[in-house]
Amino acid sequence: MSISKSTQYGNINIAIEAIASLAGGVVTECYGVVGMASQKVFQDGLAEILKKENYSRGVIVHENEGHLDLDLYIIVSHGVKISEVVHEVQKKVKYVLEKSLELEFGNINIYVQGVKMMK
């Protein structure tokens, strides 16, 4: 699936995986975020930290009445205020994606899959 956009020069198709990859890169740059997590938590309750090439496994993009909604699965660092980290991730992802892609984003839903102790 892809998002289509028309300009005076022609049509642009943006793959959902490209949006997910961009969002994952933005998330991992945020303070307090250890990394992206898979949507599925292992049976023993542990979340897998995704590598750069797999960020799209931790992001779900939904098309919803003229705008896009994102579900982001993250792992945060131990000792940070989770509510503040989540709020900053939401703001930064929405800002960067809207400026980069010139698309409208609605809800940026964050799912904290784990807390990791940093050495």
PDB file of N, CA and C in Angstrom:
ATOM      1  N   MET A   1       0.853  -1.179   0.000  1.00  0.00           N
ATOM      2  CA  MET A   1       0.000   0.000   0.000  1.00  0.00           C
ATOM      3  C   MET A   1       0.898   1.240   0.000  1.00  0.00           C
ATOM      4  N   SER A   2       0.406   2.291  -0.612  1.00  0.00           N
ATOM      5  CA  SER A   2       1.154   3.543  -0.639  1.00  0.00           C
ATOM      6  C   SER A   2       0.186   4.721  -0.589  1.00  0.00           C
ATOM      7  N   ILE A   3       0.736   5.874  -0.257  1.00  0.00           N
ATOM      8  CA  ILE A   3      -0.023   7.114  -0.210  1.00  0.00           C
ATOM      9  C   ILE A   3       0.265   7.868  -1.498  1.00  0.00           C
ATOM     10  N   SER A   4      -0.784   8.269  -2.194  1.00  0.00           N
ATOM     11  CA  SER A   4      -0.624   8.996  -3.455  1.00  0.00           C
ATOM     12  C   SER A   4      -0.883  10.474  -3.242  1.00  0.00           C
ATOM     13  N   LYS A   5      -0.088  11.267  -3.950  1.00  0.00           N
ATOM     14  CA  LYS A   5      -0.217  12.714  -3.852  1.00  0.00           C
ATOM     15  C   LYS A   5       0.000  13.283  -5.249  1.00  0.00           C
ATOM     16  N   SER A   6      -0.780  14.265  -5.615  1.00  0.00           N
ATOM     17  CA  SER A   6      -0.661  14.880  -6.934  1.00  0.00           C
ATOM     18  C   SER A   6      -0.096  16.295  -6.816  1.00  0.00           C
ATOM     19  N   THR A   7       0.868  16.610  -7.663  1.00  0.00           N
ATOM     20  CA  THR A   7       1.422  17.957  -7.713  1.00  0.00           C
ATOM     21  C   THR A   7       1.307  18.460  -9.145  1.00  0.00           C
ATOM     22  N   GLN A   8       1.716  19.692  -9.369  1.00  0.00           N
ATOM     23  CA  GLN A   8       1.656  20.252 -10.715  1.00  0.00           C
ATOM     24  C   GLN A   8       2.637  19.562 -11.662  1.00  0.00           C
ATOM     25  N   TYR A   9       3.615  18.862 -11.103  1.00  0.00           N
ATOM     26  CA  TYR A   9       4.629  18.194 -11.907  1.00  0.00           C
ATOM     27  C   TYR A   9       4.321  16.723 -12.154  1.00  0.00           C
ATOM     28  N   GLY A  10       3.375  16.172 -11.425  1.00  0.00           N
ATOM     29  CA  GLY A  10       3.025  14.764 -11.587  1.00  0.00           C
ATOM     30  C   GLY A  10       2.580  14.146 -10.275  1.00  0.00           C
ATOM     31  N   ASN A  11       2.537  12.835 -10.265  1.00  0.00           N
ATOM     32  CA  ASN A  11       2.075  12.091  -9.089  1.00  0.00           C
ATOM     33  C   ASN A  11       3.254  11.605  -8.257  1.00  0.00           C
ATOM     34  N   ILE A  12       3.024  11.534  -6.943  1.00  0.00           N
ATOM     35  CA  ILE A  12       4.014  11.028  -6.010  1.00  0.00           C
ATOM     36  C   ILE A  12       3.361   9.892  -5.232  1.00  0.00           C
ATOM     37  N   ASN A  13       4.045   8.764  -5.150  1.00  0.00           N
ATOM     38  CA  ASN A  13       3.588   7.635  -4.338  1.00  0.00           C
ATOM     39  C   ASN A  13       4.607   7.403  -3.235  1.00  0.00           C
ATOM     40  N   ILE A  14       4.142   7.446  -1.994  1.00  0.00           N
ATOM     41  CA  ILE A  14       5.014   7.231  -0.842  1.00  0.00           C
ATOM     42  C   ILE A  14       4.601   5.917  -0.192  1.00  0.00           C
ATOM     43  N   ALA A  15       5.531   4.982  -0.134  1.00  0.00           N
ATOM     44  CA  ALA A  15       5.246   3.677   0.462  1.00  0.00           C
ATOM     45  C   ALA A  15       5.052   3.814   1.966  1.00  0.00           C
ATOM     46  N   ILE A  16       4.146   3.018   2.499  1.00  0.00           N
ATOM     47  CA  ILE A  16       3.890   2.995   3.939  1.00  0.00           C
ATOM     48  C   ILE A  16       5.176   2.625   4.681  1.00  0.00           C
ATOM     49  N   GLU A  17       5.963   1.722   4.117  1.00  0.00           N
ATOM     50  CA  GLU A  17       7.222   1.314   4.745  1.00  0.00           C
ATOM     51  C   GLU A  17       8.197   2.491   4.848  1.00  0.00           C
ATOM     52  N   ALA A  18       8.171   3.388   3.865  1.00  0.00           N
ATOM     53  CA  ALA A  18       9.040   4.568   3.901  1.00  0.00           C
ATOM     54  C   ALA A  18       8.615   5.505   5.030  1.00  0.00           C
ATOM     55  N   ILE A  19       7.321   5.682   5.207  1.00  0.00           N
ATOM     56  CA  ILE A  19       6.813   6.523   6.295  1.00  0.00           C
ATOM     57  C   ILE A  19       7.189   5.898   7.639  1.00  0.00           C
ATOM     58  N   ALA A  20       7.015   4.589   7.743  1.00  0.00           N
ATOM     59  CA  ALA A  20       7.338   3.882   8.983  1.00  0.00           C
ATOM     60  C   ALA A  20       8.826   3.973   9.302  1.00  0.00           C
ATOM     61  N   SER A  21       9.662   3.844   8.294  1.00  0.00           N
ATOM     62  CA  SER A  21      11.108   3.928   8.492  1.00  0.00           C
ATOM     63  C   SER A  21      11.528   5.325   8.947  1.00  0.00           C
ATOM     64  N   LEU A  22      10.950   6.345   8.318  1.00  0.00           N
ATOM     65  CA  LEU A  22      11.246   7.726   8.695  1.00  0.00           C
ATOM     66  C   LEU A  22      10.805   7.984  10.134  1.00  0.00           C
ATOM     67  N   ALA A  23       9.613   7.530  10.488  1.00  0.00           N
ATOM     68  CA  ALA A  23       9.103   7.716  11.850  1.00  0.00           C
ATOM     69  C   ALA A  23      10.008   7.008  12.856  1.00  0.00           C
ATOM     70  N   GLY A  24      10.442   5.802  12.548  1.00  0.00           N
ATOM     71  CA  GLY A  24      11.330   5.058  13.438  1.00  0.00           C
ATOM     72  C   GLY A  24      12.645   5.766  13.658  1.00  0.00           C
ATOM     73  N   GLY A  25      13.191   6.358  12.603  1.00  0.00           N
ATOM     74  CA  GLY A  25      14.432   7.110  12.732  1.00  0.00           C
ATOM     75  C   GLY A  25      14.276   8.326  13.623  1.00  0.00           C
ATOM     76  N   VAL A  26      13.152   9.009  13.500  1.00  0.00           N
ATOM     77  CA  VAL A  26      12.880  10.189  14.328  1.00  0.00           C
ATOM     78  C   VAL A  26      12.729   9.782  15.794  1.00  0.00           C
ATOM     79  N   VAL A  27      12.015   8.684  16.032  1.00  0.00           N
ATOM     80  CA  VAL A  27      11.781   8.219  17.405  1.00  0.00           C
ATOM     81  C   VAL A  27      13.096   7.914  18.109  1.00  0.00           C
ATOM     82  N   THR A  28      14.003   7.225  17.429  1.00  0.00           N
ATOM     83  CA  THR A  28      15.246   6.804  18.078  1.00  0.00           C
ATOM     84  C   THR A  28      16.180   7.973  18.383  1.00  0.00           C
ATOM     85  N   GLU A  29      15.931   9.136  17.790  1.00  0.00           N
ATOM     86  CA  GLU A  29      16.725  10.325  18.085  1.00  0.00           C
ATOM     87  C   GLU A  29      16.237  11.055  19.342  1.00  0.00           C
ATOM     88  N   CYS A  30      15.079  10.674  19.850  1.00  0.00           N
ATOM     89  CA  CYS A  30      14.487  11.361  20.993  1.00  0.00           C
ATOM     90  C   CYS A  30      15.152  10.935  22.304  1.00  0.00           C
ATOM     91  N   TYR A  31      15.296  11.911  23.207  1.00  0.00           N
ATOM     92  CA  TYR A  31      15.873  11.649  24.521  1.00  0.00           C
ATOM     93  C   TYR A  31      15.004  10.664  25.294  1.00  0.00           C
ATOM     94  N   GLY A  32      15.639   9.687  25.916  1.00  0.00           N
ATOM     95  CA  GLY A  32      14.930   8.732  26.755  1.00  0.00           C
ATOM     96  C   GLY A  32      14.454   7.494  26.034  1.00  0.00           C
ATOM     97  N   VAL A  33      14.588   7.469  24.707  1.00  0.00           N
ATOM     98  CA  VAL A  33      14.164   6.307  23.930  1.00  0.00           C
ATOM     99  C   VAL A  33      15.379   5.430  23.659  1.00  0.00           C
ATOM    100  N   VAL A  34      15.286   4.164  24.050  1.00  0.00           N
ATOM    101  CA  VAL A  34      16.363   3.211  23.814  1.00  0.00           C
ATOM    102  C   VAL A  34      16.292   2.698  22.381  1.00  0.00           C
ATOM    103  N   GLY A  35      15.085   2.460  21.896  1.00  0.00           N
ATOM    104  CA  GLY A  35      14.922   1.976  20.534  1.00  0.00           C
ATOM    105  C   GLY A  35      13.478   1.660  20.209  1.00  0.00           C
ATOM    106  N   MET A  36      13.292   1.226  18.985  1.00  0.00           N
ATOM    107  CA  MET A  36      11.971   0.794  18.536  1.00  0.00           C
ATOM    108  C   MET A  36      11.783  -0.658  18.952  1.00  0.00           C
ATOM    109  N   ALA A  37      10.544  -1.042  19.218  1.00  0.00           N
ATOM    110  CA  ALA A  37      10.230  -2.416  19.607  1.00  0.00           C
ATOM    111  C   ALA A  37       9.269  -3.010  18.595  1.00  0.00           C
ATOM    112  N   SER A  38       9.284  -4.308  18.526  1.00  0.00           N
ATOM    113  CA  SER A  38       8.326  -5.012  17.682  1.00  0.00           C
ATOM    114  C   SER A  38       6.946  -4.866  18.309  1.00  0.00           C
ATOM    115  N   GLN A  39       5.927  -4.947  17.487  1.00  0.00           N
ATOM    116  CA  GLN A  39       4.559  -4.838  17.983  1.00  0.00           C
ATOM    117  C   GLN A  39       4.200  -6.033  18.861  1.00  0.00           C
ATOM    118  N   LYS A  40       4.852  -7.142  18.606  1.00  0.00           N
ATOM    119  CA  LYS A  40       4.565  -8.367  19.342  1.00  0.00           C
ATOM    120  C   LYS A  40       5.595  -8.551  20.448  1.00  0.00           C
ATOM    121  N   VAL A  41       5.111  -8.691  21.661  1.00  0.00           N
ATOM    122  CA  VAL A  41       5.985  -8.945  22.803  1.00  0.00           C
ATOM    123  C   VAL A  41       6.146 -10.463  22.918  1.00  0.00           C
ATOM    124  N   PHE A  42       7.381 -10.926  23.148  1.00  0.00           N
ATOM    125  CA  PHE A  42       7.630 -12.356  23.296  1.00  0.00           C
ATOM    126  C   PHE A  42       6.816 -12.928  24.441  1.00  0.00           C
ATOM    127  N   GLN A  43       6.668 -14.260  24.468  1.00  0.00           N
ATOM    128  CA  GLN A  43       5.860 -14.921  25.489  1.00  0.00           C
ATOM    129  C   GLN A  43       6.312 -14.614  26.909  1.00  0.00           C
ATOM    130  N   ASP A  44       7.609 -14.438  27.118  1.00  0.00           N
ATOM    131  CA  ASP A  44       8.085 -14.174  28.477  1.00  0.00           C
ATOM    132  C   ASP A  44       7.998 -12.700  28.852  1.00  0.00           C
ATOM    133  N   GLY A  45       7.363 -11.882  27.999  1.00  0.00           N
ATOM    134  CA  GLY A  45       7.136 -10.482  28.319  1.00  0.00           C
ATOM    135  C   GLY A  45       8.244  -9.542  27.898  1.00  0.00           C
ATOM    136  N   LEU A  46       9.254 -10.045  27.192  1.00  0.00           N
ATOM    137  CA  LEU A  46      10.350  -9.196  26.751  1.00  0.00           C
ATOM    138  C   LEU A  46      10.069  -8.649  25.357  1.00  0.00           C
ATOM    139  N   ALA A  47      10.461  -7.417  25.133  1.00  0.00           N
ATOM    140  CA  ALA A  47      10.298  -6.795  23.820  1.00  0.00           C
ATOM    141  C   ALA A  47      11.634  -6.811  23.090  1.00  0.00           C
ATOM    142  N   GLU A  48      11.587  -7.015  21.806  1.00  0.00           N
ATOM    143  CA  GLU A  48      12.788  -7.051  20.971  1.00  0.00           C
ATOM    144  C   GLU A  48      13.126  -5.643  20.505  1.00  0.00           C
ATOM    145  N   ILE A  49      14.378  -5.217  20.666  1.00  0.00           N
ATOM    146  CA  ILE A  49      14.813  -3.924  20.141  1.00  0.00           C
ATOM    147  C   ILE A  49      15.144  -4.117  18.668  1.00  0.00           C
ATOM    148  N   LEU A  50      14.526  -3.304  17.829  1.00  0.00           N
ATOM    149  CA  LEU A  50      14.702  -3.447  16.386  1.00  0.00           C
ATOM    150  C   LEU A  50      15.916  -2.673  15.892  1.00  0.00           C
ATOM    151  N   LYS A  51      16.556  -3.223  14.875  1.00  0.00           N
ATOM    152  CA  LYS A  51      17.659  -2.527  14.224  1.00  0.00           C
ATOM    153  C   LYS A  51      17.088  -1.565  13.198  1.00  0.00           C
ATOM    154  N   LYS A  52      17.926  -0.666  12.725  1.00  0.00           N
ATOM    155  CA  LYS A  52      17.511   0.406  11.822  1.00  0.00           C
ATOM    156  C   LYS A  52      16.722  -0.092  10.619  1.00  0.00           C
ATOM    157  N   GLU A  53      17.148  -1.202  10.027  1.00  0.00           N
ATOM    158  CA  GLU A  53      16.480  -1.700   8.821  1.00  0.00           C
ATOM    159  C   GLU A  53      15.116  -2.329   9.107  1.00  0.00           C
ATOM    160  N   ASN A  54      14.781  -2.531  10.385  1.00  0.00           N
ATOM    161  CA  ASN A  54      13.503  -3.150  10.746  1.00  0.00           C
ATOM    162  C   ASN A  54      12.551  -2.208  11.475  1.00  0.00           C
ATOM    163  N   TYR A  55      12.819  -0.912  11.456  1.00  0.00           N
ATOM    164  CA  TYR A  55      11.963   0.033  12.171  1.00  0.00           C
ATOM    165  C   TYR A  55      10.498  -0.083  11.770  1.00  0.00           C
ATOM    166  N   SER A  56      10.233  -0.427  10.530  1.00  0.00           N
ATOM    167  CA  SER A  56       8.842  -0.486  10.077  1.00  0.00           C
ATOM    168  C   SER A  56       8.045  -1.562  10.816  1.00  0.00           C
ATOM    169  N   ARG A  57       8.716  -2.520  11.458  1.00  0.00           N
ATOM    170  CA  ARG A  57       8.010  -3.528  12.254  1.00  0.00           C
ATOM    171  C   ARG A  57       7.488  -2.944  13.561  1.00  0.00           C
ATOM    172  N   GLY A  58       7.982  -1.784  13.959  1.00  0.00           N
ATOM    173  CA  GLY A  58       7.553  -1.141  15.198  1.00  0.00           C
ATOM    174  C   GLY A  58       6.639   0.050  14.963  1.00  0.00           C
ATOM    175  N   VAL A  59       6.198   0.220  13.710  1.00  0.00           N
ATOM    176  CA  VAL A  59       5.335   1.355  13.361  1.00  0.00           C
ATOM    177  C   VAL A  59       4.171   0.829  12.524  1.00  0.00           C
ATOM    178  N   ILE A  60       2.970   1.235  12.885  1.00  0.00           N
ATOM    179  CA  ILE A  60       1.789   0.906  12.080  1.00  0.00           C
ATOM    180  C   ILE A  60       1.189   2.224  11.608  1.00  0.00           C
ATOM    181  N   VAL A  61       0.928   2.310  10.314  1.00  0.00           N
ATOM    182  CA  VAL A  61       0.347   3.518   9.721  1.00  0.00           C
ATOM    183  C   VAL A  61      -1.087   3.194   9.315  1.00  0.00           C
ATOM    184  N   HIS A  62      -2.031   4.017   9.775  1.00  0.00           N
ATOM    185  CA  HIS A  62      -3.446   3.859   9.440  1.00  0.00           C
ATOM    186  C   HIS A  62      -3.896   5.079   8.657  1.00  0.00           C
ATOM    187  N   GLU A  63      -4.640   4.851   7.579  1.00  0.00           N
ATOM    188  CA  GLU A  63      -5.244   5.967   6.856  1.00  0.00           C
ATOM    189  C   GLU A  63      -6.624   6.186   7.456  1.00  0.00           C
ATOM    190  N   ASN A  64      -6.936   7.451   7.821  1.00  0.00           N
ATOM    191  CA  ASN A  64      -8.172   7.724   8.550  1.00  0.00           C
ATOM    192  C   ASN A  64      -8.747   9.072   8.136  1.00  0.00           C
ATOM    193  N   GLU A  65      -9.781   9.086   7.331  1.00  0.00           N
ATOM    194  CA  GLU A  65     -10.524  10.288   6.948  1.00  0.00           C
ATOM    195  C   GLU A  65      -9.633  11.472   6.575  1.00  0.00           C
ATOM    196  N   GLY A  66      -8.778  11.295   5.591  1.00  0.00           N
ATOM    197  CA  GLY A  66      -7.977  12.400   5.086  1.00  0.00           C
ATOM    198  C   GLY A  66      -6.671  12.664   5.806  1.00  0.00           C
ATOM    199  N   HIS A  67      -6.386  11.911   6.849  1.00  0.00           N
ATOM    200  CA  HIS A  67      -5.103  12.061   7.533  1.00  0.00           C
ATOM    201  C   HIS A  67      -4.575  10.679   7.911  1.00  0.00           C
ATOM    202  N   LEU A  68      -3.345  10.644   8.368  1.00  0.00           N
ATOM    203  CA  LEU A  68      -2.722   9.385   8.756  1.00  0.00           C
ATOM    204  C   LEU A  68      -2.553   9.324  10.269  1.00  0.00           C
ATOM    205  N   ASP A  69      -2.762   8.164  10.835  1.00  0.00           N
ATOM    206  CA  ASP A  69      -2.519   7.916  12.253  1.00  0.00           C
ATOM    207  C   ASP A  69      -1.363   6.930  12.365  1.00  0.00           C
ATOM    208  N   LEU A  70      -0.545   7.104  13.381  1.00  0.00           N
ATOM    209  CA  LEU A  70       0.594   6.210  13.608  1.00  0.00           C
ATOM    210  C   LEU A  70       0.479   5.537  14.961  1.00  0.00           C
ATOM    211  N   ASP A  71       0.855   4.262  15.014  1.00  0.00           N
ATOM    212  CA  ASP A  71       1.050   3.543  16.263  1.00  0.00           C
ATOM    213  C   ASP A  71       2.540   3.239  16.340  1.00  0.00           C
ATOM    214  N   LEU A  72       3.204   3.727  17.389  1.00  0.00           N
ATOM    215  CA  LEU A  72       4.640   3.545  17.551  1.00  0.00           C
ATOM    216  C   LEU A  72       4.909   2.701  18.794  1.00  0.00           C
ATOM    217  N   TYR A  73       5.739   1.685  18.636  1.00  0.00           N
ATOM    218  CA  TYR A  73       6.084   0.778  19.729  1.00  0.00           C
ATOM    219  C   TYR A  73       7.533   1.047  20.114  1.00  0.00           C
ATOM    220  N   ILE A  74       7.749   1.490  21.359  1.00  0.00           N
ATOM    221  CA  ILE A  74       9.087   1.918  21.756  1.00  0.00           C
ATOM    222  C   ILE A  74       9.525   1.250  23.066  1.00  0.00           C
ATOM    223  N   ILE A  75      10.829   1.346  23.316  1.00  0.00           N
ATOM    224  CA  ILE A  75      11.412   0.943  24.586  1.00  0.00           C
ATOM    225  C   ILE A  75      12.108   2.176  25.148  1.00  0.00           C
ATOM    226  N   VAL A  76      11.810   2.492  26.414  1.00  0.00           N
ATOM    227  CA  VAL A  76      12.386   3.691  27.021  1.00  0.00           C
ATOM    228  C   VAL A  76      13.478   3.316  28.015  1.00  0.00           C
ATOM    229  N   SER A  77      14.286   4.307  28.334  1.00  0.00           N
ATOM    230  CA  SER A  77      15.386   4.138  29.268  1.00  0.00           C
ATOM    231  C   SER A  77      14.863   4.177  30.707  1.00  0.00           C
ATOM    232  N   HIS A  78      15.478   3.400  31.557  1.00  0.00           N
ATOM    233  CA  HIS A  78      15.124   3.392  32.979  1.00  0.00           C
ATOM    234  C   HIS A  78      15.518   4.726  33.602  1.00  0.00           C
ATOM    235  N   GLY A  79      14.675   5.272  34.455  1.00  0.00           N
ATOM    236  CA  GLY A  79      15.011   6.489  35.184  1.00  0.00           C
ATOM    237  C   GLY A  79      14.515   7.773  34.545  1.00  0.00           C
ATOM    238  N   VAL A  80      13.835   7.680  33.421  1.00  0.00           N
ATOM    239  CA  VAL A  80      13.281   8.882  32.795  1.00  0.00           C
ATOM    240  C   VAL A  80      11.780   8.948  33.079  1.00  0.00           C
ATOM    241  N   LYS A  81      11.240  10.142  33.003  1.00  0.00           N
ATOM    242  CA  LYS A  81       9.800  10.307  33.203  1.00  0.00           C
ATOM    243  C   LYS A  81       9.104   9.895  31.903  1.00  0.00           C
ATOM    244  N   ILE A  82       8.449   8.755  31.920  1.00  0.00           N
ATOM    245  CA  ILE A  82       7.886   8.159  30.705  1.00  0.00           C
ATOM    246  C   ILE A  82       6.877   9.084  30.037  1.00  0.00           C
ATOM    247  N   SER A  83       6.044   9.747  30.809  1.00  0.00           N
ATOM    248  CA  SER A  83       5.035  10.624  30.215  1.00  0.00           C
ATOM    249  C   SER A  83       5.676  11.760  29.419  1.00  0.00           C
ATOM    250  N   GLU A  84       6.788  12.298  29.931  1.00  0.00           N
ATOM    251  CA  GLU A  84       7.488  13.376  29.213  1.00  0.00           C
ATOM    252  C   GLU A  84       8.138  12.867  27.929  1.00  0.00           C
ATOM    253  N   VAL A  85       8.766  11.692  28.008  1.00  0.00           N
ATOM    254  CA  VAL A  85       9.401  11.109  26.825  1.00  0.00           C
ATOM    255  C   VAL A  85       8.351  10.854  25.743  1.00  0.00           C
ATOM    256  N   VAL A  86       7.233  10.273  26.126  1.00  0.00           N
ATOM    257  CA  VAL A  86       6.167   9.960  25.174  1.00  0.00           C
ATOM    258  C   VAL A  86       5.619  11.238  24.537  1.00  0.00           C
ATOM    259  N   HIS A  87       5.412  12.270  25.336  1.00  0.00           N
ATOM    260  CA  HIS A  87       4.886  13.539  24.811  1.00  0.00           C
ATOM    261  C   HIS A  87       5.856  14.143  23.799  1.00  0.00           C
ATOM    262  N   GLU A  88       7.148  14.133  24.114  1.00  0.00           N
ATOM    263  CA  GLU A  88       8.156  14.685  23.200  1.00  0.00           C
ATOM    264  C   GLU A  88       8.249  13.869  21.915  1.00  0.00           C
ATOM    265  N   VAL A  89       8.145  12.549  22.024  1.00  0.00           N
ATOM    266  CA  VAL A  89       8.161  11.692  20.832  1.00  0.00           C
ATOM    267  C   VAL A  89       6.976  12.034  19.941  1.00  0.00           C
ATOM    268  N   GLN A  90       5.801  12.176  20.517  1.00  0.00           N
ATOM    269  CA  GLN A  90       4.615  12.513  19.739  1.00  0.00           C
ATOM    270  C   GLN A  90       4.791  13.831  18.993  1.00  0.00           C
ATOM    271  N   LYS A  91       5.262  14.858  19.711  1.00  0.00           N
ATOM    272  CA  LYS A  91       5.442  16.174  19.085  1.00  0.00           C
ATOM    273  C   LYS A  91       6.470  16.123  17.962  1.00  0.00           C
ATOM    274  N   LYS A  92       7.613  15.504  18.227  1.00  0.00           N
ATOM    275  CA  LYS A  92       8.702  15.491  17.246  1.00  0.00           C
ATOM    276  C   LYS A  92       8.332  14.690  16.008  1.00  0.00           C
ATOM    277  N   VAL A  93       7.738  13.519  16.197  1.00  0.00           N
ATOM    278  CA  VAL A  93       7.351  12.687  15.054  1.00  0.00           C
ATOM    279  C   VAL A  93       6.327  13.413  14.190  1.00  0.00           C
ATOM    280  N   LYS A  94       5.311  13.983  14.805  1.00  0.00           N
ATOM    281  CA  LYS A  94       4.281  14.703  14.047  1.00  0.00           C
ATOM    282  C   LYS A  94       4.896  15.866  13.267  1.00  0.00           C
ATOM    283  N   TYR A  95       5.741  16.655  13.919  1.00  0.00           N
ATOM    284  CA  TYR A  95       6.357  17.810  13.274  1.00  0.00           C
ATOM    285  C   TYR A  95       7.236  17.387  12.095  1.00  0.00           C
ATOM    286  N   VAL A  96       8.154  16.452  12.328  1.00  0.00           N
ATOM    287  CA  VAL A  96       9.095  16.050  11.279  1.00  0.00           C
ATOM    288  C   VAL A  96       8.378  15.405  10.093  1.00  0.00           C
ATOM    289  N   LEU A  97       7.430  14.521  10.361  1.00  0.00           N
ATOM    290  CA  LEU A  97       6.729  13.861   9.257  1.00  0.00           C
ATOM    291  C   LEU A  97       5.874  14.833   8.453  1.00  0.00           C
ATOM    292  N   GLU A  98       5.196  15.733   9.126  1.00  0.00           N
ATOM    293  CA  GLU A  98       4.369  16.707   8.399  1.00  0.00           C
ATOM    294  C   GLU A  98       5.228  17.642   7.558  1.00  0.00           C
ATOM    295  N   LYS A  99       6.369  18.057   8.073  1.00  0.00           N
ATOM    296  CA  LYS A  99       7.260  18.941   7.307  1.00  0.00           C
ATOM    297  C   LYS A  99       7.961  18.196   6.179  1.00  0.00           C
ATOM    298  N   SER A 100       8.373  16.965   6.416  1.00  0.00           N
ATOM    299  CA  SER A 100       9.107  16.202   5.404  1.00  0.00           C
ATOM    300  C   SER A 100       8.213  15.711   4.269  1.00  0.00           C
ATOM    301  N   LEU A 101       7.035  15.232   4.616  1.00  0.00           N
ATOM    302  CA  LEU A 101       6.179  14.575   3.628  1.00  0.00           C
ATOM    303  C   LEU A 101       5.031  15.447   3.130  1.00  0.00           C
ATOM    304  N   GLU A 102       4.797  16.568   3.793  1.00  0.00           N
ATOM    305  CA  GLU A 102       3.673  17.447   3.481  1.00  0.00           C
ATOM    306  C   GLU A 102       2.353  16.682   3.439  1.00  0.00           C
ATOM    307  N   LEU A 103       2.179  15.831   4.444  1.00  0.00           N
ATOM    308  CA  LEU A 103       0.941  15.084   4.643  1.00  0.00           C
ATOM    309  C   LEU A 103       0.403  15.443   6.016  1.00  0.00           C
ATOM    310  N   GLU A 104      -0.904  15.240   6.213  1.00  0.00           N
ATOM    311  CA  GLU A 104      -1.516  15.529   7.507  1.00  0.00           C
ATOM    312  C   GLU A 104      -1.507  14.281   8.371  1.00  0.00           C
ATOM    313  N   PHE A 105      -1.027  14.420   9.598  1.00  0.00           N
ATOM    314  CA  PHE A 105      -1.033  13.321  10.551  1.00  0.00           C
ATOM    315  C   PHE A 105      -1.965  13.667  11.696  1.00  0.00           C
ATOM    316  N   GLY A 106      -2.760  12.702  12.095  1.00  0.00           N
ATOM    317  CA  GLY A 106      -3.709  12.897  13.191  1.00  0.00           C
ATOM    318  C   GLY A 106      -3.116  12.424  14.495  1.00  0.00           C
ATOM    319  N   ASN A 107      -3.498  11.236  14.911  1.00  0.00           N
ATOM    320  CA  ASN A 107      -3.051  10.676  16.187  1.00  0.00           C
ATOM    321  C   ASN A 107      -1.689  10.008  16.047  1.00  0.00           C
ATOM    322  N   ILE A 108      -0.825  10.276  17.005  1.00  0.00           N
ATOM    323  CA  ILE A 108       0.452   9.583  17.122  1.00  0.00           C
ATOM    324  C   ILE A 108       0.362   8.802  18.434  1.00  0.00           C
ATOM    325  N   ASN A 109       0.008   7.534  18.331  1.00  0.00           N
ATOM    326  CA  ASN A 109      -0.194   6.692  19.508  1.00  0.00           C
ATOM    327  C   ASN A 109       1.119   5.995  19.860  1.00  0.00           C
ATOM    328  N   ILE A 110       1.499   6.067  21.131  1.00  0.00           N
ATOM    329  CA  ILE A 110       2.750   5.483  21.598  1.00  0.00           C
ATOM    330  C   ILE A 110       2.433   4.308  22.528  1.00  0.00           C
ATOM    331  N   TYR A 111       3.084   3.186  22.279  1.00  0.00           N
ATOM    332  CA  TYR A 111       2.956   2.004  23.123  1.00  0.00           C
ATOM    333  C   TYR A 111       4.343   1.679  23.673  1.00  0.00           C
ATOM    334  N   VAL A 112       4.524   1.865  24.978  1.00  0.00           N
ATOM    335  CA  VAL A 112       5.808   1.570  25.603  1.00  0.00           C
ATOM    336  C   VAL A 112       5.838   0.068  25.870  1.00  0.00           C
ATOM    337  N   GLN A 113       6.730  -0.621  25.160  1.00  0.00           N
ATOM    338  CA  GLN A 113       6.807  -2.073  25.246  1.00  0.00           C
ATOM    339  C   GLN A 113       7.779  -2.546  26.325  1.00  0.00           C
ATOM    340  N   GLY A 114       8.587  -1.640  26.840  1.00  0.00           N
ATOM    341  CA  GLY A 114       9.530  -2.051  27.867  1.00  0.00           C
ATOM    342  C   GLY A 114      10.364  -0.889  28.373  1.00  0.00           C
ATOM    343  N   VAL A 115      11.034  -1.136  29.480  1.00  0.00           N
ATOM    344  CA  VAL A 115      11.970  -0.172  30.078  1.00  0.00           C
ATOM    345  C   VAL A 115      13.293  -0.898  30.209  1.00  0.00           C
ATOM    346  N   LYS A 116      14.361  -0.271  29.707  1.00  0.00           N
ATOM    347  CA  LYS A 116      15.668  -0.912  29.709  1.00  0.00           C
ATOM    348  C   LYS A 116      16.647  -0.116  30.556  1.00  0.00           C
ATOM    349  N   MET A 117      17.394  -0.832  31.369  1.00  0.00           N
ATOM    350  CA  MET A 117      18.423  -0.228  32.205  1.00  0.00           C
ATOM    351  C   MET A 117      19.648   0.027  31.344  1.00  0.00           C
ATOM    352  N   MET A 118      20.128   1.265  31.314  1.00  0.00           N
ATOM    353  CA  MET A 118      21.315   1.607  30.543  1.00  0.00           C
ATOM    354  C   MET A 118      22.535   1.543  31.453  1.00  0.00           C
ATOM    355  N   LYS A 119      23.641   1.016  30.941  1.00  0.00           N
ATOM    356  CA  LYS A 119      24.865   0.856  31.740  1.00  0.00           C
ATOM    357  C   LYS A 119      25.694   2.105  31.739  1.00  0.00           C
TER     358      LYS A 119
END
